Amino acid sequence: MSLSVSLFIILIVVGNTLAMWWLIRWTAKPKPGEATQGEVTGHVWDGDLAEYNNPMPRWWLWMFYLTIVFTGVYMALYPGLGSFSGVLGWTEEGQWADEMKQAEAQYGPIFKKYASMDIPAVAQDPKAVKMGQRLFATYCASCHGSDAHGAVGFPNLADKDWLWGGEPAQIEQTITAGRMGVMPAWGPILGAEKVDQVANYVVTLSGRKADDAAKAEAGAAVFAQNCAACHGAEGKGNPMLGAPNLTDNVWLYGGSLKTIVKTVTDGRQGRMPAHGEFLGGDKVHLLAAYVYSLSNTK
C-alpha cells in the first residue's frame, strides 16, 4: 500500500470517528431560540400531542461514547489505519496458519493412520469413510453433487464407469494432480455431412438403433479414420487419454443424436482441478478411499 493511500485511509477513519464525537456534542448543546429544557418546542400533532425539549437519555449517550472509545482501541490493536499493522500484529494469514497448526496437531495423527493403509482397506473402515464423505462434501460436491452422481459435464462417481481409470492409484492421482480432457472440434475438419454420419454410427456402438442406417454405415469408416486413435477401434475408450467408452451408454454430456453431433462438431473441454497441493497427501488418500468406496463396497 502506498503512503498516499495509507494516509487517505487514516484521514477517513480518524475524521469519521472525530465527526461522531462532534455530532453528539453539537446536538446535546442548546441552540439559540430553542425552548429550554422541559418546555414544549411548539411542535404539536393531533391537536394535543406536544413535543418536549428533553435531553437524550444519559445511558444512550454513554453507549455512544463507548463505541467511539472502542473504535480507538480497536484501531490501535488491529489493522485498519492504512498500512499500520496494529500493536498486536494480527493478520488473516497468521490466524489461518495458527488454526491450521491446531487442526494438524489434533487431526494429523488420524489422517496419518489412514495414510499408512491401502485405499481398499480404508474404504472398509466406517469412520474413515465418514471423514472422507465430509471432505467430499466440502471440496467435491459442488461439481459432482452431494450424492456423487454427477451432472452434465461432471462424471458420476458412484458407478463403475471411469474416464481415467477407477483403480485406487488412478483415483488418487486424479484428485492429486487433476485431469484435463480435450475432445477436439471435428466440425471444421469433417464437415456437417460426415459429422452426421459418424454421430449416427456412435449411436449404434451403445446398442441403440440409428435414425439413419445408411448414415451409420458410412460413419463407421469416418470413425475408423478419425476417432479410433483415441476411442479405440471398437469405441471402448482409452483411460490413458481420458477418452470415454462409447459402447456402454454412459454419457458425460448426453447421448442423444443431437448432443453427439454437437460434441463431434464443437468438441468438449473438461477440467478436473488439482487438489493435492492444498489438501495434502493424507487427506487426498482419505478422499480417494471414499470415492473408491462409492462403487466398490456396495
C-alpha atoms as a PDB file:
ATOM      1  CA  MET A   1       0.000   0.000   0.000  1.00  0.00           C
ATOM      2  CA  SER A   2       1.439   3.370  -0.995  1.00  0.00           C
ATOM      3  CA  LEU A   3       1.941   6.159   1.537  1.00  0.00           C
ATOM      4  CA  SER A   4      -0.673   8.385  -0.100  1.00  0.00           C
ATOM      5  CA  VAL A   5      -3.331   5.662   0.002  1.00  0.00           C
ATOM      6  CA  SER A   6      -2.433   4.847   3.608  1.00  0.00           C
ATOM      7  CA  LEU A   7      -2.753   8.477   4.663  1.00  0.00           C
ATOM      8  CA  PHE A   8      -6.067   8.767   2.808  1.00  0.00           C
ATOM      9  CA  ILE A   9      -7.492   5.784   4.709  1.00  0.00           C
ATOM     10  CA  ILE A  10      -6.212   7.109   8.035  1.00  0.00           C
ATOM     11  CA  LEU A  11      -7.806  10.500   7.325  1.00  0.00           C
ATOM     12  CA  ILE A  12     -11.189   8.926   6.586  1.00  0.00           C
ATOM     13  CA  VAL A  13     -11.168   6.655   9.665  1.00  0.00           C
ATOM     14  CA  VAL A  14      -9.949   9.262  12.143  1.00  0.00           C
ATOM     15  CA  GLY A  15     -12.087  12.009  10.580  1.00  0.00           C
ATOM     16  CA  ASN A  16     -15.258   9.937  10.821  1.00  0.00           C
ATOM     17  CA  THR A  17     -14.529   8.976  14.431  1.00  0.00           C
ATOM     18  CA  LEU A  18     -13.991  12.604  15.435  1.00  0.00           C
ATOM     19  CA  ALA A  19     -17.077  13.607  13.466  1.00  0.00           C
ATOM     20  CA  MET A  20     -19.197  11.187  15.502  1.00  0.00           C
ATOM     21  CA  TRP A  21     -17.937  12.723  18.733  1.00  0.00           C
ATOM     22  CA  TRP A  22     -18.550  16.263  17.453  1.00  0.00           C
ATOM     23  CA  LEU A  23     -22.053  15.386  16.234  1.00  0.00           C
ATOM     24  CA  ILE A  24     -23.219  14.078  19.597  1.00  0.00           C
ATOM     25  CA  ARG A  25     -21.696  17.061  21.424  1.00  0.00           C
ATOM     26  CA  TRP A  26     -23.272  19.533  18.993  1.00  0.00           C
ATOM     27  CA  THR A  27     -26.742  18.009  19.213  1.00  0.00           C
ATOM     28  CA  ALA A  28     -26.577  17.915  23.033  1.00  0.00           C
ATOM     29  CA  LYS A  29     -25.944  21.675  23.368  1.00  0.00           C
ATOM     30  CA  PRO A  30     -28.927  24.060  23.469  1.00  0.00           C
ATOM     31  CA  LYS A  31     -29.368  26.216  20.368  1.00  0.00           C
ATOM     32  CA  PRO A  32     -30.283  29.916  20.385  1.00  0.00           C
ATOM     33  CA  GLY A  33     -34.067  30.377  20.294  1.00  0.00           C
ATOM     34  CA  GLU A  34     -34.821  26.814  21.368  1.00  0.00           C
ATOM     35  CA  ALA A  35     -37.205  26.070  24.180  1.00  0.00           C
ATOM     36  CA  THR A  36     -35.449  25.463  27.477  1.00  0.00           C
ATOM     37  CA  GLN A  37     -35.231  22.011  28.921  1.00  0.00           C
ATOM     38  CA  GLY A  38     -38.609  20.584  29.889  1.00  0.00           C
ATOM     39  CA  GLU A  39     -40.635  23.091  27.818  1.00  0.00           C
ATOM     40  CA  VAL A  40     -42.642  22.330  24.711  1.00  0.00           C
ATOM     41  CA  THR A  41     -40.952  23.075  21.395  1.00  0.00           C
ATOM     42  CA  GLY A  42     -44.110  24.234  19.653  1.00  0.00           C
ATOM     43  CA  HIS A  43     -44.493  21.076  17.563  1.00  0.00           C
ATOM     44  CA  VAL A  44     -47.979  19.634  18.102  1.00  0.00           C
ATOM     45  CA  TRP A  45     -49.693  16.630  16.460  1.00  0.00           C
ATOM     46  CA  ASP A  46     -53.314  15.525  16.571  1.00  0.00           C
ATOM     47  CA  GLY A  47     -54.282  18.692  18.379  1.00  0.00           C
ATOM     48  CA  ASP A  48     -52.835  17.823  21.779  1.00  0.00           C
ATOM     49  CA  LEU A  49     -49.703  15.736  21.255  1.00  0.00           C
ATOM     50  CA  ALA A  50     -46.832  18.119  22.058  1.00  0.00           C
ATOM     51  CA  GLU A  51     -43.079  17.639  21.701  1.00  0.00           C
ATOM     52  CA  TYR A  52     -40.961  18.500  24.727  1.00  0.00           C
ATOM     53  CA  ASN A  53     -37.348  19.616  24.702  1.00  0.00           C
ATOM     54  CA  ASN A  54     -35.837  16.870  26.858  1.00  0.00           C
ATOM     55  CA  PRO A  55     -32.198  15.759  26.821  1.00  0.00           C
ATOM     56  CA  MET A  56     -31.179  12.438  25.329  1.00  0.00           C
ATOM     57  CA  PRO A  57     -31.051   9.595  27.892  1.00  0.00           C
ATOM     58  CA  ARG A  58     -27.714   9.512  29.677  1.00  0.00           C
ATOM     59  CA  TRP A  59     -27.353   5.739  29.168  1.00  0.00           C
ATOM     60  CA  TRP A  60     -27.715   6.247  25.413  1.00  0.00           C
ATOM     61  CA  LEU A  61     -25.024   8.936  25.409  1.00  0.00           C
ATOM     62  CA  TRP A  62     -22.624   6.711  27.338  1.00  0.00           C
ATOM     63  CA  MET A  63     -23.198   3.862  24.900  1.00  0.00           C
ATOM     64  CA  PHE A  64     -22.400   6.221  22.026  1.00  0.00           C
ATOM     65  CA  TYR A  65     -19.212   7.409  23.711  1.00  0.00           C
ATOM     66  CA  LEU A  66     -18.212   3.823  24.437  1.00  0.00           C
ATOM     67  CA  THR A  67     -18.478   2.966  20.735  1.00  0.00           C
ATOM     68  CA  ILE A  68     -16.093   5.807  19.977  1.00  0.00           C
ATOM     69  CA  VAL A  69     -13.646   4.560  22.634  1.00  0.00           C
ATOM     70  CA  PHE A  70     -13.978   1.029  21.256  1.00  0.00           C
ATOM     71  CA  THR A  71     -13.145   2.332  17.769  1.00  0.00           C
ATOM     72  CA  GLY A  72      -9.961   3.946  19.040  1.00  0.00           C
ATOM     73  CA  VAL A  73      -8.843   0.858  20.965  1.00  0.00           C
ATOM     74  CA  TYR A  74      -9.634  -1.474  18.059  1.00  0.00           C
ATOM     75  CA  MET A  75      -7.719   0.655  15.550  1.00  0.00           C
ATOM     76  CA  ALA A  76      -4.732   0.712  17.893  1.00  0.00           C
ATOM     77  CA  LEU A  77      -4.680  -3.062  18.341  1.00  0.00           C
ATOM     78  CA  TYR A  78      -5.669  -4.310  14.866  1.00  0.00           C
ATOM     79  CA  PRO A  79      -5.039  -3.253  11.242  1.00  0.00           C
ATOM     80  CA  GLY A  80      -7.403  -0.588   9.962  1.00  0.00           C
ATOM     81  CA  LEU A  81      -5.403   2.643   9.780  1.00  0.00           C
ATOM     82  CA  GLY A  82      -3.828   2.353   6.360  1.00  0.00           C
ATOM     83  CA  SER A  83      -0.559   0.426   6.458  1.00  0.00           C
ATOM     84  CA  PHE A  84      -0.412   0.459  10.282  1.00  0.00           C
ATOM     85  CA  SER A  85      -0.458  -3.200  11.296  1.00  0.00           C
ATOM     86  CA  GLY A  86      -1.695  -2.669  14.843  1.00  0.00           C
ATOM     87  CA  VAL A  87       0.027  -3.220  18.170  1.00  0.00           C
ATOM     88  CA  LEU A  88      -0.890  -6.929  18.226  1.00  0.00           C
ATOM     89  CA  GLY A  89       0.452  -7.542  14.717  1.00  0.00           C
ATOM     90  CA  TRP A  90      -2.631  -9.593  13.791  1.00  0.00           C
ATOM     91  CA  THR A  91      -3.098 -10.764  10.196  1.00  0.00           C
ATOM     92  CA  GLU A  92      -5.603 -13.030   8.476  1.00  0.00           C
ATOM     93  CA  GLU A  93      -2.769 -15.212   7.209  1.00  0.00           C
ATOM     94  CA  GLY A  94      -1.320 -15.530  10.695  1.00  0.00           C
ATOM     95  CA  GLN A  95      -4.645 -16.531  12.238  1.00  0.00           C
ATOM     96  CA  TRP A  96      -5.241 -19.041   9.454  1.00  0.00           C
ATOM     97  CA  ALA A  97      -1.764 -20.522   9.983  1.00  0.00           C
ATOM     98  CA  ASP A  98      -2.359 -20.830  13.735  1.00  0.00           C
ATOM     99  CA  GLU A  99      -5.703 -22.547  13.198  1.00  0.00           C
ATOM    100  CA  MET A 100      -4.138 -24.922  10.693  1.00  0.00           C
ATOM    101  CA  LYS A 101      -1.418 -25.812  13.203  1.00  0.00           C
ATOM    102  CA  GLN A 102      -4.036 -26.551  15.850  1.00  0.00           C
ATOM    103  CA  ALA A 103      -6.048 -28.660  13.404  1.00  0.00           C
ATOM    104  CA  GLU A 104      -2.926 -30.523  12.300  1.00  0.00           C
ATOM    105  CA  ALA A 105      -1.984 -31.264  15.894  1.00  0.00           C
ATOM    106  CA  GLN A 106      -5.483 -32.595  16.613  1.00  0.00           C
ATOM    107  CA  TYR A 107      -6.315 -34.428  13.397  1.00  0.00           C
ATOM    108  CA  GLY A 108      -2.923 -35.045  11.816  1.00  0.00           C
ATOM    109  CA  PRO A 109      -2.294 -38.360  13.610  1.00  0.00           C
ATOM    110  CA  ILE A 110      -5.706 -39.638  12.461  1.00  0.00           C
ATOM    111  CA  PHE A 111      -5.011 -38.795   8.827  1.00  0.00           C
ATOM    112  CA  LYS A 112      -1.539 -40.356   9.046  1.00  0.00           C
ATOM    113  CA  LYS A 113      -3.016 -43.550  10.440  1.00  0.00           C
ATOM    114  CA  TYR A 114      -5.211 -43.988   7.372  1.00  0.00           C
ATOM    115  CA  ALA A 115      -2.454 -42.791   5.021  1.00  0.00           C
ATOM    116  CA  SER A 116      -0.418 -45.837   6.008  1.00  0.00           C
ATOM    117  CA  MET A 117      -3.242 -48.174   4.917  1.00  0.00           C
ATOM    118  CA  ASP A 118      -4.180 -49.288   1.408  1.00  0.00           C
ATOM    119  CA  ILE A 119      -7.154 -47.466  -0.091  1.00  0.00           C
ATOM    120  CA  PRO A 120      -9.376 -50.602  -0.265  1.00  0.00           C
ATOM    121  CA  ALA A 121      -8.713 -51.198   3.443  1.00  0.00           C
ATOM    122  CA  VAL A 122      -9.513 -47.572   4.308  1.00  0.00           C
ATOM    123  CA  ALA A 123     -12.716 -47.855   2.264  1.00  0.00           C
ATOM    124  CA  GLN A 124     -13.846 -50.657   4.607  1.00  0.00           C
ATOM    125  CA  ASP A 125     -13.444 -48.501   7.739  1.00  0.00           C
ATOM    126  CA  PRO A 126     -16.771 -46.767   8.573  1.00  0.00           C
ATOM    127  CA  LYS A 127     -15.058 -43.944  10.489  1.00  0.00           C
ATOM    128  CA  ALA A 128     -12.653 -43.264   7.632  1.00  0.00           C
ATOM    129  CA  VAL A 129     -15.497 -43.296   5.101  1.00  0.00           C
ATOM    130  CA  LYS A 130     -17.385 -40.727   7.184  1.00  0.00           C
ATOM    131  CA  MET A 131     -14.324 -38.478   7.278  1.00  0.00           C
ATOM    132  CA  GLY A 132     -13.855 -38.885   3.538  1.00  0.00           C
ATOM    133  CA  GLN A 133     -17.513 -38.077   2.985  1.00  0.00           C
ATOM    134  CA  ARG A 134     -17.103 -34.778   4.846  1.00  0.00           C
ATOM    135  CA  LEU A 135     -14.062 -33.938   2.719  1.00  0.00           C
ATOM    136  CA  PHE A 136     -16.079 -34.774  -0.385  1.00  0.00           C
ATOM    137  CA  ALA A 137     -18.965 -32.554   0.714  1.00  0.00           C
ATOM    138  CA  THR A 138     -16.552 -29.661   1.207  1.00  0.00           C
ATOM    139  CA  TYR A 139     -14.382 -29.942  -1.896  1.00  0.00           C
ATOM    140  CA  CYS A 140     -16.216 -32.086  -4.470  1.00  0.00           C
ATOM    141  CA  ALA A 141     -19.991 -31.903  -4.034  1.00  0.00           C
ATOM    142  CA  SER A 142     -20.304 -28.553  -5.822  1.00  0.00           C
ATOM    143  CA  CYS A 143     -19.413 -30.319  -9.104  1.00  0.00           C
ATOM    144  CA  HIS A 144     -20.225 -33.986  -8.569  1.00  0.00           C
ATOM    145  CA  GLY A 145     -23.279 -33.497  -6.354  1.00  0.00           C
ATOM    146  CA  SER A 146     -23.779 -34.424  -2.718  1.00  0.00           C
ATOM    147  CA  ASP A 147     -24.595 -37.992  -3.766  1.00  0.00           C
ATOM    148  CA  ALA A 148     -21.609 -38.111  -6.173  1.00  0.00           C
ATOM    149  CA  HIS A 149     -23.928 -38.914  -9.082  1.00  0.00           C
ATOM    150  CA  GLY A 150     -22.558 -36.001 -11.088  1.00  0.00           C
ATOM    151  CA  ALA A 151     -24.307 -33.799 -13.654  1.00  0.00           C
ATOM    152  CA  VAL A 152     -23.895 -32.847 -17.302  1.00  0.00           C
ATOM    153  CA  GLY A 153     -20.154 -32.456 -17.801  1.00  0.00           C
ATOM    154  CA  PHE A 154     -19.327 -33.837 -14.335  1.00  0.00           C
ATOM    155  CA  PRO A 155     -18.807 -37.616 -14.026  1.00  0.00           C
ATOM    156  CA  ASN A 156     -20.901 -39.914 -11.878  1.00  0.00           C
ATOM    157  CA  LEU A 157     -18.502 -41.312  -9.274  1.00  0.00           C
ATOM    158  CA  ALA A 158     -20.916 -43.894  -7.887  1.00  0.00           C
ATOM    159  CA  ASP A 159     -20.892 -46.229 -10.886  1.00  0.00           C
ATOM    160  CA  LYS A 160     -18.054 -48.282 -12.353  1.00  0.00           C
ATOM    161  CA  ASP A 161     -17.579 -46.162 -15.475  1.00  0.00           C
ATOM    162  CA  TRP A 162     -14.293 -44.247 -15.321  1.00  0.00           C
ATOM    163  CA  LEU A 163     -12.725 -41.858 -17.824  1.00  0.00           C
ATOM    164  CA  TRP A 164      -9.223 -42.074 -16.343  1.00  0.00           C
ATOM    165  CA  GLY A 165      -9.476 -45.397 -14.555  1.00  0.00           C
ATOM    166  CA  GLY A 166     -11.095 -46.465 -11.308  1.00  0.00           C
ATOM    167  CA  GLU A 167      -8.229 -48.273  -9.606  1.00  0.00           C
ATOM    168  CA  PRO A 168      -7.177 -46.800  -6.228  1.00  0.00           C
ATOM    169  CA  ALA A 169      -3.917 -45.349  -7.544  1.00  0.00           C
ATOM    170  CA  GLN A 170      -5.682 -43.808 -10.539  1.00  0.00           C
ATOM    171  CA  ILE A 171      -8.354 -42.164  -8.379  1.00  0.00           C
ATOM    172  CA  GLU A 172      -5.703 -40.802  -6.033  1.00  0.00           C
ATOM    173  CA  GLN A 173      -3.705 -39.435  -8.968  1.00  0.00           C
ATOM    174  CA  THR A 174      -6.829 -37.777 -10.397  1.00  0.00           C
ATOM    175  CA  ILE A 175      -7.534 -35.971  -7.126  1.00  0.00           C
ATOM    176  CA  THR A 176      -3.903 -35.036  -6.569  1.00  0.00           C
ATOM    177  CA  ALA A 177      -2.916 -33.698  -9.987  1.00  0.00           C
ATOM    178  CA  GLY A 178      -6.291 -33.102 -11.627  1.00  0.00           C
ATOM    179  CA  ARG A 179      -7.216 -34.041 -15.194  1.00  0.00           C
ATOM    180  CA  MET A 180      -7.583 -32.170 -18.451  1.00  0.00           C
ATOM    181  CA  GLY A 181      -9.882 -33.773 -21.011  1.00  0.00           C
ATOM    182  CA  VAL A 182      -9.844 -32.395 -24.538  1.00  0.00           C
ATOM    183  CA  MET A 183     -12.187 -33.538 -27.290  1.00  0.00           C
ATOM    184  CA  PRO A 184     -11.125 -31.637 -30.440  1.00  0.00           C
ATOM    185  CA  ALA A 185     -13.711 -29.951 -32.626  1.00  0.00           C
ATOM    186  CA  TRP A 186     -14.172 -32.068 -35.763  1.00  0.00           C
ATOM    187  CA  GLY A 187     -16.794 -29.935 -37.439  1.00  0.00           C
ATOM    188  CA  PRO A 188     -14.366 -27.738 -39.396  1.00  0.00           C
ATOM    189  CA  ILE A 189     -12.353 -30.824 -40.442  1.00  0.00           C
ATOM    190  CA  LEU A 190     -15.089 -33.330 -41.331  1.00  0.00           C
ATOM    191  CA  GLY A 191     -17.898 -31.079 -42.396  1.00  0.00           C
ATOM    192  CA  ALA A 192     -21.559 -31.360 -41.442  1.00  0.00           C
ATOM    193  CA  GLU A 193     -22.288 -34.436 -43.595  1.00  0.00           C
ATOM    194  CA  LYS A 194     -19.549 -36.636 -42.143  1.00  0.00           C
ATOM    195  CA  VAL A 195     -20.250 -35.392 -38.621  1.00  0.00           C
ATOM    196  CA  ASP A 196     -23.858 -36.539 -39.035  1.00  0.00           C
ATOM    197  CA  GLN A 197     -22.675 -39.893 -40.346  1.00  0.00           C
ATOM    198  CA  VAL A 198     -20.216 -40.564 -37.542  1.00  0.00           C
ATOM    199  CA  ALA A 199     -22.767 -39.424 -34.916  1.00  0.00           C
ATOM    200  CA  ASN A 200     -25.261 -41.969 -36.243  1.00  0.00           C
ATOM    201  CA  TYR A 201     -22.549 -44.632 -36.058  1.00  0.00           C
ATOM    202  CA  VAL A 202     -21.654 -43.709 -32.474  1.00  0.00           C
ATOM    203  CA  VAL A 203     -25.306 -44.184 -31.522  1.00  0.00           C
ATOM    204  CA  THR A 204     -25.098 -47.813 -32.691  1.00  0.00           C
ATOM    205  CA  LEU A 205     -21.989 -48.518 -30.603  1.00  0.00           C
ATOM    206  CA  SER A 206     -24.080 -48.488 -27.410  1.00  0.00           C
ATOM    207  CA  GLY A 207     -26.591 -50.966 -28.818  1.00  0.00           C
ATOM    208  CA  ARG A 208     -29.148 -48.456 -29.991  1.00  0.00           C
ATOM    209  CA  LYS A 209     -30.688 -48.149 -33.416  1.00  0.00           C
ATOM    210  CA  ALA A 210     -29.507 -45.246 -35.564  1.00  0.00           C
ATOM    211  CA  ASP A 211     -32.010 -42.845 -37.041  1.00  0.00           C
ATOM    212  CA  ASP A 212     -30.474 -43.472 -40.444  1.00  0.00           C
ATOM    213  CA  ALA A 213     -28.842 -46.867 -41.038  1.00  0.00           C
ATOM    214  CA  ALA A 214     -27.131 -45.697 -44.251  1.00  0.00           C
ATOM    215  CA  LYS A 215     -25.519 -42.767 -42.445  1.00  0.00           C
ATOM    216  CA  ALA A 216     -24.381 -45.063 -39.629  1.00  0.00           C
ATOM    217  CA  GLU A 217     -22.800 -47.444 -42.122  1.00  0.00           C
ATOM    218  CA  ALA A 218     -20.918 -44.586 -43.789  1.00  0.00           C
ATOM    219  CA  GLY A 219     -19.959 -43.237 -40.351  1.00  0.00           C
ATOM    220  CA  ALA A 220     -18.085 -46.443 -39.493  1.00  0.00           C
ATOM    221  CA  ALA A 221     -15.361 -45.560 -41.969  1.00  0.00           C
ATOM    222  CA  VAL A 222     -15.225 -41.953 -40.708  1.00  0.00           C
ATOM    223  CA  PHE A 223     -14.880 -43.235 -37.133  1.00  0.00           C
ATOM    224  CA  ALA A 224     -12.076 -45.636 -38.061  1.00  0.00           C
ATOM    225  CA  GLN A 225     -10.111 -42.886 -39.806  1.00  0.00           C
ATOM    226  CA  ASN A 226     -10.570 -40.083 -37.270  1.00  0.00           C
ATOM    227  CA  CYS A 227     -11.868 -41.324 -33.909  1.00  0.00           C
ATOM    228  CA  ALA A 228     -10.396 -44.780 -33.331  1.00  0.00           C
ATOM    229  CA  ALA A 229      -6.999 -43.352 -32.408  1.00  0.00           C
ATOM    230  CA  CYS A 230      -8.451 -42.130 -29.093  1.00  0.00           C
ATOM    231  CA  HIS A 231     -11.600 -44.190 -28.556  1.00  0.00           C
ATOM    232  CA  GLY A 232     -10.233 -47.456 -29.918  1.00  0.00           C
ATOM    233  CA  ALA A 233     -11.301 -49.430 -32.975  1.00  0.00           C
ATOM    234  CA  GLU A 234     -14.328 -50.774 -31.091  1.00  0.00           C
ATOM    235  CA  GLY A 235     -15.110 -47.474 -29.366  1.00  0.00           C
ATOM    236  CA  LYS A 236     -14.312 -48.781 -25.884  1.00  0.00           C
ATOM    237  CA  GLY A 237     -12.209 -45.761 -24.954  1.00  0.00           C
ATOM    238  CA  ASN A 238      -8.746 -45.284 -23.513  1.00  0.00           C
ATOM    239  CA  PRO A 239      -8.227 -44.410 -19.814  1.00  0.00           C
ATOM    240  CA  MET A 240      -4.693 -43.234 -20.576  1.00  0.00           C
ATOM    241  CA  LEU A 241      -6.169 -40.371 -22.607  1.00  0.00           C
ATOM    242  CA  GLY A 242      -9.415 -39.931 -20.722  1.00  0.00           C
ATOM    243  CA  ALA A 243     -11.246 -40.961 -23.915  1.00  0.00           C
ATOM    244  CA  PRO A 244     -14.679 -42.291 -22.902  1.00  0.00           C
ATOM    245  CA  ASN A 245     -16.074 -45.701 -23.676  1.00  0.00           C
ATOM    246  CA  LEU A 246     -18.775 -45.157 -26.308  1.00  0.00           C
ATOM    247  CA  THR A 247     -20.249 -48.656 -26.043  1.00  0.00           C
ATOM    248  CA  ASP A 248     -21.695 -48.608 -22.518  1.00  0.00           C
ATOM    249  CA  ASN A 249     -24.396 -45.957 -22.997  1.00  0.00           C
ATOM    250  CA  VAL A 250     -22.945 -43.833 -20.185  1.00  0.00           C
ATOM    251  CA  TRP A 251     -22.624 -40.243 -21.377  1.00  0.00           C
ATOM    252  CA  LEU A 252     -20.885 -37.310 -19.779  1.00  0.00           C
ATOM    253  CA  TYR A 253     -22.629 -34.639 -21.854  1.00  0.00           C
ATOM    254  CA  GLY A 254     -25.641 -36.634 -23.077  1.00  0.00           C
ATOM    255  CA  GLY A 255     -26.153 -39.444 -25.577  1.00  0.00           C
ATOM    256  CA  SER A 256     -28.890 -38.156 -27.847  1.00  0.00           C
ATOM    257  CA  LEU A 257     -28.067 -37.870 -31.543  1.00  0.00           C
ATOM    258  CA  LYS A 258     -28.335 -34.084 -31.343  1.00  0.00           C
ATOM    259  CA  THR A 259     -25.917 -33.910 -28.410  1.00  0.00           C
ATOM    260  CA  ILE A 260     -23.449 -36.300 -30.061  1.00  0.00           C
ATOM    261  CA  VAL A 261     -23.496 -34.161 -33.216  1.00  0.00           C
ATOM    262  CA  LYS A 262     -22.714 -31.102 -31.093  1.00  0.00           C
ATOM    263  CA  THR A 263     -19.899 -32.903 -29.277  1.00  0.00           C
ATOM    264  CA  VAL A 264     -18.287 -34.045 -32.505  1.00  0.00           C
ATOM    265  CA  THR A 265     -18.778 -30.657 -34.171  1.00  0.00           C
ATOM    266  CA  ASP A 266     -17.607 -28.329 -31.393  1.00  0.00           C
ATOM    267  CA  GLY A 267     -15.541 -30.643 -29.201  1.00  0.00           C
ATOM    268  CA  ARG A 268     -15.516 -30.674 -25.389  1.00  0.00           C
ATOM    269  CA  GLN A 269     -13.186 -29.218 -22.791  1.00  0.00           C
ATOM    270  CA  GLY A 270     -13.296 -30.856 -19.356  1.00  0.00           C
ATOM    271  CA  ARG A 271     -11.071 -29.937 -16.437  1.00  0.00           C
ATOM    272  CA  MET A 272     -10.729 -31.555 -13.046  1.00  0.00           C
ATOM    273  CA  PRO A 273      -8.699 -29.161 -10.826  1.00  0.00           C
ATOM    274  CA  ALA A 274      -5.745 -30.474  -8.823  1.00  0.00           C
ATOM    275  CA  HIS A 275      -6.443 -30.796  -5.094  1.00  0.00           C
ATOM    276  CA  GLY A 276      -3.140 -32.238  -3.914  1.00  0.00           C
ATOM    277  CA  GLU A 277      -1.334 -29.009  -3.095  1.00  0.00           C
ATOM    278  CA  PHE A 278      -3.878 -27.546  -0.687  1.00  0.00           C
ATOM    279  CA  LEU A 279      -5.319 -30.800   0.703  1.00  0.00           C
ATOM    280  CA  GLY A 280      -2.065 -32.642   1.245  1.00  0.00           C
ATOM    281  CA  GLY A 281      -1.330 -36.279   0.602  1.00  0.00           C
ATOM    282  CA  ASP A 282      -3.007 -37.691   3.704  1.00  0.00           C
ATOM    283  CA  LYS A 283      -6.354 -36.016   3.044  1.00  0.00           C
ATOM    284  CA  VAL A 284      -6.202 -36.925  -0.650  1.00  0.00           C
ATOM    285  CA  HIS A 285      -5.653 -40.551   0.351  1.00  0.00           C
ATOM    286  CA  LEU A 286      -8.716 -40.487   2.608  1.00  0.00           C
ATOM    287  CA  LEU A 287     -10.814 -38.728  -0.035  1.00  0.00           C
ATOM    288  CA  ALA A 288      -9.728 -41.241  -2.671  1.00  0.00           C
ATOM    289  CA  ALA A 289     -10.779 -44.066  -0.364  1.00  0.00           C
ATOM    290  CA  TYR A 290     -14.248 -42.542  -0.022  1.00  0.00           C
ATOM    291  CA  VAL A 291     -14.619 -42.146  -3.795  1.00  0.00           C
ATOM    292  CA  TYR A 292     -13.407 -45.726  -4.261  1.00  0.00           C
ATOM    293  CA  SER A 293     -15.976 -46.947  -1.707  1.00  0.00           C
ATOM    294  CA  LEU A 294     -18.845 -45.450  -3.702  1.00  0.00           C
ATOM    295  CA  SER A 295     -18.554 -48.066  -6.428  1.00  0.00           C
ATOM    296  CA  ASN A 296     -16.699 -50.902  -4.723  1.00  0.00           C
ATOM    297  CA  THR A 297     -18.188 -51.552  -1.278  1.00  0.00           C
ATOM    298  CA  LYS A 298     -21.905 -51.619  -2.003  1.00  0.00           C
END
